[in-house]
Structure formats: C-alpha cells, structure tokens
Amino acid sequence: FWNVTLPNDLATSASSGPSLSGFHASQIILEAPALYSRMKIVELLDPAIHSSRQSIERHHLFPSAYLQKKGIVNNTEINQIANKTYIEWRDNVRIGDKAPSEYLPKMEVGFSSTELERMYRLHALPSGWDEMEYKQFLMERRELMAQLIAEGYSRLTTRELGSEPEELDLDEILSEGESDVTEYKSTLRVNLHTGEKDPRIENAALKTIAAFLNTSGGTLVIGVADDGSPVGIEMDRFESEDKMNLHLVNIIKTRLGVSAITKIHSHFDDYDGQRIMVVECKKSHRPVYLKDGGNEHFFIRTGASTTELTLSQAQEYINSSF
C-alpha cells in the first residue's frame, strides 16, 4: 500500500480526495510549518486569522506560467497535487512565475540548514528538487508524500482514538535496565571500537526493532550503553537530529518494509547530560521480516534477548501469534 497504491493514488490533479486529505492531516499532526515560514500550517488555517486574502494558499512548486514556457500546457499535468504545497499568500505572490531554481535561494534566506531540512522533509520535497525535471520531481515527491502519510498515521496509532498519548516514563525505563520490552544500543550506525560506520551496528538495531514488532512491542534506546550509562547520539555523527530520524526511517522502510513504520514512533530526549534517541515500537498485526540481501530473517524477543527463529519455528510462531 505505502510503496505502490498510495503513490499511485497521489498521481492526480483532483483538488480533494482521501490521499490528499491524509497528506494534509499528516502535516498538521507532525506540526509542519508552511513552506518558507515559521508559522505552522494549522495556525494559518485557523479561521480566527483574518486578512484581505486567505493566510495560506496551495502554491505551485513549479509555477504554471513557468511550466507553460517549458512546453507543459496540460492543466491536469500542471495541477498535479504533488506540484502543490501550503505557503503563506505573500510568499506565493513573491514567487510569481519564477523557476524553482531561481526563487528557492531567495526564499531560503533567514532559515538555518536544520530548519530547511525539517521543512523540506515535512513538505515531502526530495533533495535537489529545484533542479529536477518536472516529471521526475512528481514521481519522487509522490513517494515522499506517501512516507509522510505513513509517519502521520504512525503518530496517530501510538495513542487510542480520543485519548491523550500515554506518556513514556523514560526514567523508569532507564532505571530498570534491559528486559523483554527494553533494549539499549550505544549507537545506531557507528562502531565504537573502530570509530567507523558499520552495517553490523545498524543490523543489530533493526533486529531489535523487528523482534519488538513481532512480539509484544518495546522500546529501543539509542545512545545508552548496555550497563545503562549515557553515550549520547553525537557518537553517530549525524548532522542533526532530523537527519538521524530520517536515516532510521529510511533503513526501516528498506529493510523491514514501509508498513513497519506505522508501528514505530521515535523522539529525542535528554539523559544525564546527553541527547538520546527513543524508538517506541508497537506490536505489529502482521509478521515483520528483516531483509538481508536476498534473504529474510524473522526475530522475536525471548526475555532480554533477541532471537532468530528457523523457518519452521517462525511458521509455527506466526500461526499462533498473528
């Protein structure tokens, strides 16, 4: 669904529909700002805000007049929902019919690289989008829009409908040590012995996440050693927390499948003077396999350990647990 059906549903110029509504809802759930603004979309959509025009508009990322100059004149193609995003109306006027590569540098002035990175992620804009061919841009943005909808859905599924999310007691998790529902990892990708990025370190984290999803759920804490002492996420050498979160989402999508993202919620917190990453996993309603090259592996939690099951063991477990 997330990889094929949803991106296909987003290939439309219809101004309303469940897929577009899901994308806008996810932006609101994830507290996205309007593009090139520090005001949240939800604030700008507030009917209490009045002006001579609507506070926010759906802007053509590749402006209509610009596309027509490039020979793209079909309105269905120009008005694809993947070519539109929320922007403050004054900024929409400033952009006019300029090419993305022309207006983007001016609009980015005043924003830090961290702000821009988060903004582009929450608007599902691919890296280097302003220099892309239009059709390639639409294809890549639809896939990112589908991922953002999955992330918004994941945020919703961490709570019961109509109730406040249950607050995670991080102090309790860190004081009680590792268990069937808690595991610590010093890093997400860096081998502390060699100081280098190591796929085996990532693999270990993914095994734990898969095991939590296949058993009863659980919490993976990254930036904490096995003995509970703080290490901090700085050891992984990501440029920002958003970059680290995006990296985790990408490897989960690639190695565990996009549907796994809907059962995972990650956030960052402070622990004894260090920043740590907390990955909360809910039990999956379907088996989750870890892809490794051409092979798939099935893991569960057995006490405070992650255990790989043989094919026959996995089949028996799946028949009784899903």
C-alpha atoms as a PDB file:
ATOM      1  CA  PHE A   1       0.000   0.000   0.000  1.00  0.00           C
ATOM      2  CA  TRP A   2       2.577   2.584   1.099  1.00  0.00           C
ATOM      3  CA  ASN A   3       5.007   1.818  -1.749  1.00  0.00           C
ATOM      4  CA  VAL A   4       2.672   1.351  -4.711  1.00  0.00           C
ATOM      5  CA  THR A   5      -1.033   2.011  -4.106  1.00  0.00           C
ATOM      6  CA  LEU A   6      -0.717   5.295  -2.229  1.00  0.00           C
ATOM      7  CA  PRO A   7       1.841   6.955  -4.564  1.00  0.00           C
ATOM      8  CA  ASN A   8      -0.415   5.918  -7.446  1.00  0.00           C
ATOM      9  CA  ASP A   9      -3.441   7.484  -5.730  1.00  0.00           C
ATOM     10  CA  LEU A  10      -1.432  10.703  -5.364  1.00  0.00           C
ATOM     11  CA  ALA A  11      -0.945  10.888  -9.147  1.00  0.00           C
ATOM     12  CA  THR A  12      -3.964  13.143  -9.642  1.00  0.00           C
ATOM     13  CA  SER A  13      -4.933  16.773 -10.080  1.00  0.00           C
ATOM     14  CA  ALA A  14      -8.155  16.396  -8.077  1.00  0.00           C
ATOM     15  CA  SER A  15      -8.338  19.192  -5.519  1.00  0.00           C
ATOM     16  CA  SER A  16      -9.806  16.869  -2.881  1.00  0.00           C
ATOM     17  CA  GLY A  17      -9.674  13.200  -2.016  1.00  0.00           C
ATOM     18  CA  PRO A  18      -8.669  10.835   0.781  1.00  0.00           C
ATOM     19  CA  SER A  19      -4.979  10.674  -0.170  1.00  0.00           C
ATOM     20  CA  LEU A  20      -4.551  14.452  -0.312  1.00  0.00           C
ATOM     21  CA  SER A  21      -6.535  14.836   2.909  1.00  0.00           C
ATOM     22  CA  GLY A  22      -4.290  12.236   4.524  1.00  0.00           C
ATOM     23  CA  PHE A  23      -1.200  14.193   3.482  1.00  0.00           C
ATOM     24  CA  HIS A  24      -2.528  17.487   4.846  1.00  0.00           C
ATOM     25  CA  ALA A  25      -3.654  15.779   8.052  1.00  0.00           C
ATOM     26  CA  SER A  26      -0.183  14.291   8.485  1.00  0.00           C
ATOM     27  CA  GLN A  27       1.414  17.711   8.045  1.00  0.00           C
ATOM     28  CA  ILE A  28      -0.830  19.057  10.797  1.00  0.00           C
ATOM     29  CA  ILE A  29      -0.201  16.079  13.094  1.00  0.00           C
ATOM     30  CA  LEU A  30       3.566  16.480  12.590  1.00  0.00           C
ATOM     31  CA  GLU A  31       3.311  20.257  13.179  1.00  0.00           C
ATOM     32  CA  ALA A  32       4.703  21.216   9.787  1.00  0.00           C
ATOM     33  CA  PRO A  33       5.281  24.897   9.078  1.00  0.00           C
ATOM     34  CA  ALA A  34       4.099  26.442   5.850  1.00  0.00           C
ATOM     35  CA  LEU A  35       6.865  26.351   3.261  1.00  0.00           C
ATOM     36  CA  TYR A  36       9.382  29.147   3.940  1.00  0.00           C
ATOM     37  CA  SER A  37       7.540  30.162   7.099  1.00  0.00           C
ATOM     38  CA  ARG A  38       7.943  29.648  10.831  1.00  0.00           C
ATOM     39  CA  MET A  39       4.198  29.544  11.315  1.00  0.00           C
ATOM     40  CA  LYS A  40       2.583  26.135  11.462  1.00  0.00           C
ATOM     41  CA  ILE A  41       0.084  25.160   8.790  1.00  0.00           C
ATOM     42  CA  VAL A  42      -2.535  24.503  11.458  1.00  0.00           C
ATOM     43  CA  GLU A  43      -2.124  28.062  12.755  1.00  0.00           C
ATOM     44  CA  LEU A  44      -2.504  29.588   9.298  1.00  0.00           C
ATOM     45  CA  LEU A  45      -5.608  27.513   8.618  1.00  0.00           C
ATOM     46  CA  ASP A  46      -7.205  28.858  11.801  1.00  0.00           C
ATOM     47  CA  PRO A  47     -10.443  30.626  10.766  1.00  0.00           C
ATOM     48  CA  ALA A  48      -9.804  33.184  13.519  1.00  0.00           C
ATOM     49  CA  ILE A  49      -6.949  34.634  11.402  1.00  0.00           C
ATOM     50  CA  HIS A  50      -8.425  37.178   9.012  1.00  0.00           C
ATOM     51  CA  SER A  51      -6.799  39.148   6.215  1.00  0.00           C
ATOM     52  CA  SER A  52      -7.680  40.543   2.815  1.00  0.00           C
ATOM     53  CA  ARG A  53      -6.760  37.158   1.398  1.00  0.00           C
ATOM     54  CA  GLN A  54      -6.522  33.701   2.908  1.00  0.00           C
ATOM     55  CA  SER A  55      -3.484  33.475   5.192  1.00  0.00           C
ATOM     56  CA  ILE A  56      -2.283  30.374   3.391  1.00  0.00           C
ATOM     57  CA  GLU A  57      -2.520  29.144  -0.192  1.00  0.00           C
ATOM     58  CA  ARG A  58      -1.653  25.989  -2.111  1.00  0.00           C
ATOM     59  CA  HIS A  59       1.327  27.086  -4.158  1.00  0.00           C
ATOM     60  CA  HIS A  60       2.529  25.514  -7.415  1.00  0.00           C
ATOM     61  CA  LEU A  61       6.111  24.470  -6.654  1.00  0.00           C
ATOM     62  CA  PHE A  62       6.748  24.567 -10.398  1.00  0.00           C
ATOM     63  CA  PRO A  63       4.627  27.639 -11.293  1.00  0.00           C
ATOM     64  CA  SER A  64       2.021  27.284 -14.044  1.00  0.00           C
ATOM     65  CA  ALA A  65       3.447  30.020 -16.242  1.00  0.00           C
ATOM     66  CA  TYR A  66       6.953  28.582 -15.890  1.00  0.00           C
ATOM     67  CA  LEU A  67       5.775  25.118 -16.956  1.00  0.00           C
ATOM     68  CA  GLN A  68       3.881  26.548 -19.912  1.00  0.00           C
ATOM     69  CA  LYS A  69       7.066  28.270 -21.069  1.00  0.00           C
ATOM     70  CA  LYS A  70       8.720  24.831 -20.895  1.00  0.00           C
ATOM     71  CA  GLY A  71       6.031  23.391 -23.155  1.00  0.00           C
ATOM     72  CA  ILE A  72       3.908  21.732 -20.472  1.00  0.00           C
ATOM     73  CA  VAL A  73       0.427  23.128 -21.128  1.00  0.00           C
ATOM     74  CA  ASN A  74      -1.900  20.334 -19.987  1.00  0.00           C
ATOM     75  CA  ASN A  75      -3.727  21.587 -16.892  1.00  0.00           C
ATOM     76  CA  THR A  76      -4.054  18.086 -15.455  1.00  0.00           C
ATOM     77  CA  GLU A  77      -0.271  17.754 -15.550  1.00  0.00           C
ATOM     78  CA  ILE A  78       0.362  21.279 -14.249  1.00  0.00           C
ATOM     79  CA  ASN A  79      -2.115  20.955 -11.372  1.00  0.00           C
ATOM     80  CA  GLN A  80      -0.899  17.617 -10.023  1.00  0.00           C
ATOM     81  CA  ILE A  81      -1.290  17.598  -6.245  1.00  0.00           C
ATOM     82  CA  ALA A  82       2.386  16.643  -5.998  1.00  0.00           C
ATOM     83  CA  ASN A  83       3.129  20.070  -7.537  1.00  0.00           C
ATOM     84  CA  LYS A  84       1.370  21.952  -4.747  1.00  0.00           C
ATOM     85  CA  THR A  85       2.094  22.747  -1.130  1.00  0.00           C
ATOM     86  CA  TYR A  86       0.957  25.160   1.563  1.00  0.00           C
ATOM     87  CA  ILE A  87       2.658  28.560   1.604  1.00  0.00           C
ATOM     88  CA  GLU A  88       1.768  31.982   3.024  1.00  0.00           C
ATOM     89  CA  TRP A  89      -0.008  34.061   0.372  1.00  0.00           C
ATOM     90  CA  ARG A  90       2.534  36.886   0.489  1.00  0.00           C
ATOM     91  CA  ASP A  91       5.305  34.403  -0.334  1.00  0.00           C
ATOM     92  CA  ASN A  92       3.184  32.983  -3.130  1.00  0.00           C
ATOM     93  CA  VAL A  93       2.987  36.484  -4.629  1.00  0.00           C
ATOM     94  CA  ARG A  94       6.770  36.955  -4.263  1.00  0.00           C
ATOM     95  CA  ILE A  95       7.490  33.723  -6.121  1.00  0.00           C
ATOM     96  CA  GLY A  96       5.186  34.513  -9.033  1.00  0.00           C
ATOM     97  CA  ASP A  97       6.140  32.570 -12.160  1.00  0.00           C
ATOM     98  CA  LYS A  98       9.841  32.153 -11.341  1.00  0.00           C
ATOM     99  CA  ALA A  99      11.616  28.829 -11.838  1.00  0.00           C
ATOM    100  CA  PRO A 100      12.226  26.879  -8.604  1.00  0.00           C
ATOM    101  CA  SER A 101      15.972  27.188  -9.094  1.00  0.00           C
ATOM    102  CA  GLU A 102      15.528  30.979  -9.257  1.00  0.00           C
ATOM    103  CA  TYR A 103      13.200  31.579  -6.310  1.00  0.00           C
ATOM    104  CA  LEU A 104      14.498  28.928  -3.912  1.00  0.00           C
ATOM    105  CA  PRO A 105      17.815  30.632  -2.940  1.00  0.00           C
ATOM    106  CA  LYS A 106      15.958  33.873  -2.142  1.00  0.00           C
ATOM    107  CA  MET A 107      13.256  32.136  -0.098  1.00  0.00           C
ATOM    108  CA  GLU A 108      15.829  30.177   1.928  1.00  0.00           C
ATOM    109  CA  VAL A 109      17.467  33.346   3.266  1.00  0.00           C
ATOM    110  CA  GLY A 110      16.989  33.657   7.030  1.00  0.00           C
ATOM    111  CA  PHE A 111      16.490  29.933   7.680  1.00  0.00           C
ATOM    112  CA  SER A 112      19.140  27.657   9.174  1.00  0.00           C
ATOM    113  CA  SER A 113      20.127  24.430   7.435  1.00  0.00           C
ATOM    114  CA  THR A 114      18.354  22.485  10.212  1.00  0.00           C
ATOM    115  CA  GLU A 115      15.137  24.458   9.709  1.00  0.00           C
ATOM    116  CA  LEU A 116      15.256  23.953   5.952  1.00  0.00           C
ATOM    117  CA  GLU A 117      15.972  20.250   6.287  1.00  0.00           C
ATOM    118  CA  ARG A 118      12.968  19.759   8.565  1.00  0.00           C
ATOM    119  CA  MET A 119      10.768  21.990   6.393  1.00  0.00           C
ATOM    120  CA  TYR A 120      11.602  20.115   3.202  1.00  0.00           C
ATOM    121  CA  ARG A 121      11.044  16.753   4.894  1.00  0.00           C
ATOM    122  CA  LEU A 122       7.613  17.812   6.190  1.00  0.00           C
ATOM    123  CA  HIS A 123       6.681  19.060   2.722  1.00  0.00           C
ATOM    124  CA  ALA A 124       7.945  15.817   1.137  1.00  0.00           C
ATOM    125  CA  LEU A 125      10.426  17.630  -1.100  1.00  0.00           C
ATOM    126  CA  PRO A 126      13.231  15.455  -2.497  1.00  0.00           C
ATOM    127  CA  SER A 127      16.846  16.558  -2.278  1.00  0.00           C
ATOM    128  CA  GLY A 128      17.752  18.843  -5.186  1.00  0.00           C
ATOM    129  CA  TRP A 129      14.111  19.118  -6.250  1.00  0.00           C
ATOM    130  CA  ASP A 130      14.504  22.616  -7.665  1.00  0.00           C
ATOM    131  CA  GLU A 131      16.890  21.330 -10.361  1.00  0.00           C
ATOM    132  CA  MET A 132      14.867  18.223 -11.285  1.00  0.00           C
ATOM    133  CA  GLU A 133      12.959  17.561 -14.477  1.00  0.00           C
ATOM    134  CA  TYR A 134       9.274  18.096 -13.710  1.00  0.00           C
ATOM    135  CA  LYS A 135       8.110  14.503 -14.273  1.00  0.00           C
ATOM    136  CA  GLN A 136      10.936  13.089 -12.149  1.00  0.00           C
ATOM    137  CA  PHE A 137      10.091  15.566  -9.402  1.00  0.00           C
ATOM    138  CA  LEU A 138       6.442  14.455  -9.382  1.00  0.00           C
ATOM    139  CA  MET A 139       7.401  10.777  -9.133  1.00  0.00           C
ATOM    140  CA  GLU A 140       9.843  11.288  -6.275  1.00  0.00           C
ATOM    141  CA  ARG A 141       7.596  13.670  -4.361  1.00  0.00           C
ATOM    142  CA  ARG A 142       4.618  11.288  -4.500  1.00  0.00           C
ATOM    143  CA  GLU A 143       6.754   8.594  -2.863  1.00  0.00           C
ATOM    144  CA  LEU A 144       7.859  11.015  -0.127  1.00  0.00           C
ATOM    145  CA  MET A 145       4.262  12.186   0.379  1.00  0.00           C
ATOM    146  CA  ALA A 146       3.261   8.567   0.941  1.00  0.00           C
ATOM    147  CA  GLN A 147       6.047   8.189   3.520  1.00  0.00           C
ATOM    148  CA  LEU A 148       4.872  11.318   5.335  1.00  0.00           C
ATOM    149  CA  ILE A 149       1.314   9.991   5.444  1.00  0.00           C
ATOM    150  CA  ALA A 150       2.706   6.770   6.945  1.00  0.00           C
ATOM    151  CA  GLU A 151       4.579   8.819   9.547  1.00  0.00           C
ATOM    152  CA  GLY A 152       1.447  10.759  10.447  1.00  0.00           C
ATOM    153  CA  TYR A 153      -0.532   7.539  10.693  1.00  0.00           C
ATOM    154  CA  SER A 154       2.175   6.103  12.918  1.00  0.00           C
ATOM    155  CA  ARG A 155       1.880   9.090  15.237  1.00  0.00           C
ATOM    156  CA  LEU A 156      -1.862   8.519  15.495  1.00  0.00           C
ATOM    157  CA  THR A 157      -1.504   4.801  16.210  1.00  0.00           C
ATOM    158  CA  THR A 158       0.659   5.492  19.262  1.00  0.00           C
ATOM    159  CA  ARG A 159      -2.483   6.561  21.090  1.00  0.00           C
ATOM    160  CA  GLU A 160      -6.059   5.348  21.468  1.00  0.00           C
ATOM    161  CA  LEU A 161      -8.603   7.341  19.493  1.00  0.00           C
ATOM    162  CA  GLY A 162      -9.984  10.200  21.602  1.00  0.00           C
ATOM    163  CA  SER A 163      -7.355   9.914  24.323  1.00  0.00           C
ATOM    164  CA  GLU A 164      -4.074  11.589  25.102  1.00  0.00           C
ATOM    165  CA  PRO A 165      -0.948   9.575  24.256  1.00  0.00           C
ATOM    166  CA  GLU A 166       0.397   7.574  27.148  1.00  0.00           C
ATOM    167  CA  GLU A 167       3.489   9.347  28.404  1.00  0.00           C
ATOM    168  CA  LEU A 168       6.595   7.215  28.307  1.00  0.00           C
ATOM    169  CA  ASP A 169       8.333   7.090  31.679  1.00  0.00           C
ATOM    170  CA  LEU A 170      11.909   7.327  30.439  1.00  0.00           C
ATOM    171  CA  ASP A 171      13.388   7.451  33.945  1.00  0.00           C
ATOM    172  CA  GLU A 172      11.693   4.157  34.784  1.00  0.00           C
ATOM    173  CA  ILE A 173      12.881   2.527  31.556  1.00  0.00           C
ATOM    174  CA  LEU A 174      16.460   3.601  32.167  1.00  0.00           C
ATOM    175  CA  SER A 175      16.475   2.654  35.838  1.00  0.00           C
ATOM    176  CA  GLU A 176      15.050  -0.849  35.374  1.00  0.00           C
ATOM    177  CA  GLY A 177      17.584  -1.935  32.743  1.00  0.00           C
ATOM    178  CA  GLU A 178      17.121  -4.132  29.719  1.00  0.00           C
ATOM    179  CA  SER A 179      14.182  -6.540  29.591  1.00  0.00           C
ATOM    180  CA  ASP A 180      11.814  -8.247  27.177  1.00  0.00           C
ATOM    181  CA  VAL A 181      10.431  -4.807  26.260  1.00  0.00           C
ATOM    182  CA  THR A 182      13.528  -2.600  26.652  1.00  0.00           C
ATOM    183  CA  GLU A 183      16.933  -2.615  24.988  1.00  0.00           C
ATOM    184  CA  TYR A 184      19.834  -0.171  24.883  1.00  0.00           C
ATOM    185  CA  LYS A 185      22.192   0.487  21.981  1.00  0.00           C
ATOM    186  CA  SER A 186      25.227   2.754  22.253  1.00  0.00           C
ATOM    187  CA  THR A 187      24.910   3.868  18.628  1.00  0.00           C
ATOM    188  CA  LEU A 188      22.753   3.456  15.547  1.00  0.00           C
ATOM    189  CA  ARG A 189      25.486   3.106  12.934  1.00  0.00           C
ATOM    190  CA  VAL A 190      28.990   3.767  14.330  1.00  0.00           C
ATOM    191  CA  ASN A 191      31.207   1.005  15.721  1.00  0.00           C
ATOM    192  CA  LEU A 192      32.725   2.490  18.862  1.00  0.00           C
ATOM    193  CA  HIS A 193      35.744   0.189  18.621  1.00  0.00           C
ATOM    194  CA  THR A 194      36.726   1.298  15.116  1.00  0.00           C
ATOM    195  CA  GLY A 195      35.117   4.721  15.130  1.00  0.00           C
ATOM    196  CA  GLU A 196      33.686   3.967  11.678  1.00  0.00           C
ATOM    197  CA  LYS A 197      30.193   3.412  10.292  1.00  0.00           C
ATOM    198  CA  ASP A 198      29.453  -0.294  10.427  1.00  0.00           C
ATOM    199  CA  PRO A 199      26.447  -2.021   8.762  1.00  0.00           C
ATOM    200  CA  ARG A 200      26.540  -4.636  11.529  1.00  0.00           C
ATOM    201  CA  ILE A 201      25.659  -1.960  14.091  1.00  0.00           C
ATOM    202  CA  GLU A 202      22.637  -0.876  12.071  1.00  0.00           C
ATOM    203  CA  ASN A 203      21.689  -4.513  11.632  1.00  0.00           C
ATOM    204  CA  ALA A 204      21.703  -5.061  15.391  1.00  0.00           C
ATOM    205  CA  ALA A 205      19.306  -2.156  15.931  1.00  0.00           C
ATOM    206  CA  LEU A 206      16.993  -3.397  13.175  1.00  0.00           C
ATOM    207  CA  LYS A 207      16.964  -6.910  14.659  1.00  0.00           C
ATOM    208  CA  THR A 208      15.768  -5.462  17.966  1.00  0.00           C
ATOM    209  CA  ILE A 209      13.060  -3.356  16.294  1.00  0.00           C
ATOM    210  CA  ALA A 210      11.850  -6.349  14.253  1.00  0.00           C
ATOM    211  CA  ALA A 211      11.765  -8.503  17.383  1.00  0.00           C
ATOM    212  CA  PHE A 212       9.707  -5.910  19.297  1.00  0.00           C
ATOM    213  CA  LEU A 213       7.255  -5.646  16.387  1.00  0.00           C
ATOM    214  CA  ASN A 214       6.874  -9.438  16.221  1.00  0.00           C
ATOM    215  CA  THR A 215       6.425  -9.958  19.951  1.00  0.00           C
ATOM    216  CA  SER A 216       4.731  -7.510  22.327  1.00  0.00           C
ATOM    217  CA  GLY A 217       6.263  -4.191  21.340  1.00  0.00           C
ATOM    218  CA  GLY A 218       9.006  -2.426  23.258  1.00  0.00           C
ATOM    219  CA  THR A 219      11.403   0.491  23.455  1.00  0.00           C
ATOM    220  CA  LEU A 220      14.862   0.756  21.901  1.00  0.00           C
ATOM    221  CA  VAL A 221      17.008   3.484  23.445  1.00  0.00           C
ATOM    222  CA  ILE A 222      19.935   4.628  21.285  1.00  0.00           C
ATOM    223  CA  GLY A 223      22.794   6.493  22.922  1.00  0.00           C
ATOM    224  CA  VAL A 224      22.875   4.358  26.083  1.00  0.00           C
ATOM    225  CA  ALA A 225      25.341   1.548  26.768  1.00  0.00           C
ATOM    226  CA  ASP A 226      24.304  -1.949  27.888  1.00  0.00           C
ATOM    227  CA  ASP A 227      25.063  -1.049  31.504  1.00  0.00           C
ATOM    228  CA  GLY A 228      22.764   1.970  31.348  1.00  0.00           C
ATOM    229  CA  SER A 229      25.499   4.610  31.169  1.00  0.00           C
ATOM    230  CA  PRO A 230      24.917   7.517  28.746  1.00  0.00           C
ATOM    231  CA  VAL A 231      26.850   7.588  25.477  1.00  0.00           C
ATOM    232  CA  GLY A 232      24.861  10.166  23.517  1.00  0.00           C
ATOM    233  CA  ILE A 233      23.780  10.258  19.887  1.00  0.00           C
ATOM    234  CA  GLU A 234      26.681  12.555  18.993  1.00  0.00           C
ATOM    235  CA  MET A 235      28.797   9.444  18.552  1.00  0.00           C
ATOM    236  CA  ASP A 236      26.795   8.603  15.412  1.00  0.00           C
ATOM    237  CA  ARG A 237      27.928  11.881  13.817  1.00  0.00           C
ATOM    238  CA  PHE A 238      24.656  12.872  12.156  1.00  0.00           C
ATOM    239  CA  GLU A 239      24.393  16.492  11.085  1.00  0.00           C
ATOM    240  CA  SER A 240      21.187  16.942  13.050  1.00  0.00           C
ATOM    241  CA  GLU A 241      18.527  15.010  14.945  1.00  0.00           C
ATOM    242  CA  ASP A 242      16.227  15.269  11.922  1.00  0.00           C
ATOM    243  CA  LYS A 243      18.932  13.654   9.775  1.00  0.00           C
ATOM    244  CA  MET A 244      19.252  10.812  12.274  1.00  0.00           C
ATOM    245  CA  ASN A 245      15.497  10.297  12.385  1.00  0.00           C
ATOM    246  CA  LEU A 246      15.263  10.333   8.583  1.00  0.00           C
ATOM    247  CA  HIS A 247      18.085   7.799   8.355  1.00  0.00           C
ATOM    248  CA  LEU A 248      16.261   5.489  10.760  1.00  0.00           C
ATOM    249  CA  VAL A 249      13.006   5.829   8.797  1.00  0.00           C
ATOM    250  CA  ASN A 250      14.827   5.049   5.550  1.00  0.00           C
ATOM    251  CA  ILE A 251      16.556   1.908   6.796  1.00  0.00           C
ATOM    252  CA  ILE A 252      13.350   0.661   8.406  1.00  0.00           C
ATOM    253  CA  LYS A 253      11.496   1.215   5.133  1.00  0.00           C
ATOM    254  CA  THR A 254      14.211  -0.547   3.137  1.00  0.00           C
ATOM    255  CA  ARG A 255      14.973  -3.429   5.478  1.00  0.00           C
ATOM    256  CA  LEU A 256      11.696  -4.020   7.375  1.00  0.00           C
ATOM    257  CA  GLY A 257       9.120  -2.632   4.938  1.00  0.00           C
ATOM    258  CA  VAL A 258       7.133   0.598   4.872  1.00  0.00           C
ATOM    259  CA  SER A 259       4.258  -0.917   6.872  1.00  0.00           C
ATOM    260  CA  ALA A 260       6.628  -1.310   9.833  1.00  0.00           C
ATOM    261  CA  ILE A 261       6.952   2.487  10.057  1.00  0.00           C
ATOM    262  CA  THR A 262       3.287   2.739  11.053  1.00  0.00           C
ATOM    263  CA  LYS A 263       4.065   0.880  14.283  1.00  0.00           C
ATOM    264  CA  ILE A 264       7.112   2.951  15.253  1.00  0.00           C
ATOM    265  CA  HIS A 265       7.439   6.361  16.878  1.00  0.00           C
ATOM    266  CA  SER A 266      10.822   7.896  17.606  1.00  0.00           C
ATOM    267  CA  HIS A 267      11.780  11.014  19.518  1.00  0.00           C
ATOM    268  CA  PHE A 268      14.790  12.553  21.207  1.00  0.00           C
ATOM    269  CA  ASP A 269      15.280  13.215  24.911  1.00  0.00           C
ATOM    270  CA  ASP A 270      17.887  14.200  27.485  1.00  0.00           C
ATOM    271  CA  TYR A 271      19.566  11.687  29.758  1.00  0.00           C
ATOM    272  CA  ASP A 272      22.279  12.574  32.234  1.00  0.00           C
ATOM    273  CA  GLY A 273      23.600  15.441  30.129  1.00  0.00           C
ATOM    274  CA  GLN A 274      23.425  13.544  26.820  1.00  0.00           C
ATOM    275  CA  ARG A 275      20.903  13.522  23.969  1.00  0.00           C
ATOM    276  CA  ILE A 276      19.436  10.091  23.266  1.00  0.00           C
ATOM    277  CA  MET A 277      17.013   8.653  20.724  1.00  0.00           C
ATOM    278  CA  VAL A 278      13.983   6.709  21.960  1.00  0.00           C
ATOM    279  CA  VAL A 279      12.305   4.338  19.484  1.00  0.00           C
ATOM    280  CA  GLU A 280       8.912   3.113  20.664  1.00  0.00           C
ATOM    281  CA  CYS A 281       7.583   0.034  18.861  1.00  0.00           C
ATOM    282  CA  LYS A 282       4.034  -1.307  18.981  1.00  0.00           C
ATOM    283  CA  LYS A 283       3.228  -4.934  18.227  1.00  0.00           C
ATOM    284  CA  SER A 284       2.649  -5.451  14.521  1.00  0.00           C
ATOM    285  CA  HIS A 285      -0.530  -7.091  13.274  1.00  0.00           C
ATOM    286  CA  ARG A 286       1.477  -8.918  10.615  1.00  0.00           C
ATOM    287  CA  PRO A 287       4.877 -10.670  10.625  1.00  0.00           C
ATOM    288  CA  VAL A 288       7.893  -8.396  10.072  1.00  0.00           C
ATOM    289  CA  TYR A 289      10.982  -9.803   8.350  1.00  0.00           C
ATOM    290  CA  LEU A 290      14.444  -8.269   8.275  1.00  0.00           C
ATOM    291  CA  LYS A 291      15.777  -8.244   4.705  1.00  0.00           C
ATOM    292  CA  ASP A 292      19.472  -9.033   4.324  1.00  0.00           C
ATOM    293  CA  GLY A 293      20.477  -9.168   0.682  1.00  0.00           C
ATOM    294  CA  GLY A 294      18.287 -11.812  -0.898  1.00  0.00           C
ATOM    295  CA  ASN A 295      17.398 -13.399   2.455  1.00  0.00           C
ATOM    296  CA  GLU A 296      14.748 -12.656   5.056  1.00  0.00           C
ATOM    297  CA  HIS A 297      15.131 -13.278   8.791  1.00  0.00           C
ATOM    298  CA  PHE A 298      12.479 -13.488  11.492  1.00  0.00           C
ATOM    299  CA  PHE A 299      13.210 -12.327  15.070  1.00  0.00           C
ATOM    300  CA  ILE A 300      11.312 -12.313  18.369  1.00  0.00           C
ATOM    301  CA  ARG A 301      12.117 -11.271  21.933  1.00  0.00           C
ATOM    302  CA  THR A 302      12.946 -14.008  24.420  1.00  0.00           C
ATOM    303  CA  GLY A 303      13.486 -12.329  27.767  1.00  0.00           C
ATOM    304  CA  ALA A 304      16.057  -9.560  27.400  1.00  0.00           C
ATOM    305  CA  SER A 305      17.448 -11.097  24.192  1.00  0.00           C
ATOM    306  CA  THR A 306      16.611 -11.014  20.503  1.00  0.00           C
ATOM    307  CA  THR A 307      16.295 -14.491  18.985  1.00  0.00           C
ATOM    308  CA  GLU A 308      16.185 -15.537  15.333  1.00  0.00           C
ATOM    309  CA  LEU A 309      13.764 -18.358  14.550  1.00  0.00           C
ATOM    310  CA  THR A 310      14.310 -21.051  11.953  1.00  0.00           C
ATOM    311  CA  LEU A 311      11.849 -21.292   9.082  1.00  0.00           C
ATOM    312  CA  SER A 312       9.756 -23.975  10.781  1.00  0.00           C
ATOM    313  CA  GLN A 313       9.878 -22.191  14.145  1.00  0.00           C
ATOM    314  CA  ALA A 314       8.865 -18.909  12.521  1.00  0.00           C
ATOM    315  CA  GLN A 315       5.933 -20.541  10.742  1.00  0.00           C
ATOM    316  CA  GLU A 316       4.700 -22.112  13.960  1.00  0.00           C
ATOM    317  CA  TYR A 317       5.094 -18.823  15.842  1.00  0.00           C
ATOM    318  CA  ILE A 318       3.316 -16.833  13.135  1.00  0.00           C
ATOM    319  CA  ASN A 319       0.385 -19.270  13.059  1.00  0.00           C
ATOM    320  CA  SER A 320      -0.139 -18.880  16.794  1.00  0.00           C
ATOM    321  CA  SER A 321       0.640 -15.155  17.195  1.00  0.00           C
ATOM    322  CA  PHE A 322      -0.799 -13.337  14.175  1.00  0.00           C
END
